[in-house]
Protein backbone atom coordinates (compact mmCIF):
# COMPACT_ATOMS: atom_id res chain seq x y z
CA MET A 1 -29.28 4.73 -25.62
CA HIS A 2 -26.53 2.45 -25.59
CA LEU A 3 -28.04 -0.39 -27.05
CA LEU A 4 -25.53 -0.45 -30.00
CA PRO A 5 -22.21 -0.59 -28.38
CA SER A 6 -23.98 -4.29 -26.61
CA LEU A 7 -24.83 -5.71 -30.20
CA LEU A 8 -21.63 -5.26 -31.62
CA PRO A 9 -18.80 -7.98 -31.28
CA SER A 10 -15.74 -6.67 -29.62
CA PRO A 11 -12.49 -5.22 -31.46
CA ARG A 12 -10.46 -7.96 -30.81
CA THR A 13 -13.20 -10.10 -32.64
CA LEU A 14 -13.80 -7.63 -35.47
CA ALA A 15 -10.21 -7.67 -35.83
CA THR A 16 -10.16 -11.75 -36.56
CA LEU A 17 -13.24 -11.25 -38.50
CA GLN A 18 -11.49 -8.75 -40.68
CA ARG A 19 -7.94 -10.64 -40.69
CA VAL A 20 -10.13 -14.12 -41.82
CA LEU A 21 -11.97 -12.20 -44.63
CA LEU A 22 -8.77 -10.48 -45.98
CA VAL A 23 -7.48 -13.32 -46.55
CA ALA A 24 -10.14 -15.57 -47.96
CA LEU A 25 -10.70 -12.76 -50.35
CA LEU A 26 -7.03 -12.38 -51.16
CA THR A 27 -6.23 -16.05 -51.29
CA PRO A 28 -7.68 -16.37 -54.99
CA ALA A 29 -6.19 -13.55 -56.21
CA VAL A 30 -2.38 -14.73 -54.97
CA LEU A 31 -3.05 -18.11 -56.22
CA ALA A 32 -3.79 -16.42 -59.98
CA ALA A 33 -0.84 -14.48 -59.79
CA LEU A 34 1.34 -17.85 -58.77
CA ALA A 35 0.01 -19.84 -61.25
CA ALA A 36 0.48 -16.87 -63.74
CA ALA A 37 4.19 -16.85 -62.80
CA ILE A 38 4.93 -20.69 -62.97
CA PRO A 39 5.69 -20.68 -66.58
CA ALA A 40 7.71 -17.69 -66.24
CA MET A 41 9.45 -19.54 -63.32
CA THR A 42 10.12 -22.87 -65.63
CA LEU A 43 11.58 -20.70 -68.85
CA MET A 44 13.73 -17.83 -66.85
CA PRO A 45 16.66 -20.00 -65.71
CA PHE A 46 17.47 -21.15 -69.44
CA LEU A 47 17.61 -17.62 -70.50
CA PRO A 48 20.66 -15.18 -70.22
CA GLY A 49 19.87 -13.44 -66.65
CA GLY A 50 16.98 -15.61 -65.84
CA THR A 51 17.81 -17.09 -62.70
CA ASP A 52 18.57 -13.57 -61.27
CA ARG A 53 15.41 -12.38 -62.23
CA ALA A 54 13.42 -15.55 -61.00
CA ILE A 55 15.05 -15.19 -57.59
CA ARG A 56 13.65 -11.37 -57.36
CA LEU A 57 10.36 -12.60 -58.58
CA LEU A 58 10.01 -15.13 -55.90
CA ALA A 59 11.18 -12.32 -53.10
CA ALA A 60 8.63 -10.27 -54.42
CA GLN A 61 6.02 -12.24 -54.36
CA ARG A 62 7.07 -13.64 -50.78
CA THR A 63 7.51 -10.02 -49.65
CA TYR A 64 4.15 -9.17 -50.80
CA LEU A 65 2.46 -12.11 -49.13
CA SER A 66 4.52 -11.14 -45.84
CA THR A 67 3.41 -7.34 -45.92
CA LEU A 68 -0.17 -8.74 -46.60
CA LEU A 69 -0.29 -11.24 -43.45
CA ALA A 70 1.57 -9.01 -41.16
CA GLY A 71 -0.99 -5.59 -42.09
CA SER A 72 -3.72 -7.79 -41.77
CA ARG A 73 -3.10 -9.06 -37.92
CA PRO A 74 -5.23 -7.79 -35.07
CA VAL A 75 -3.76 -5.35 -32.51
CA PRO A 76 -3.16 -7.25 -29.46
């Protein structure tokens, strides 16, 4: 009975769908986190040591997004 494998899409298609779904589901969460960081980013440079903290916050957000997108890439 080999009916089931013929009904499923290819692994490449499934990997692409997984990436699309992952990005679609996490985009609102990432945008909410960035929106919550906007007030901090506008005030931090005026506080002692705030510029360094703002740079670290932006670097952490960039690293998080890069890791998220790189981890969701389909295997070639």
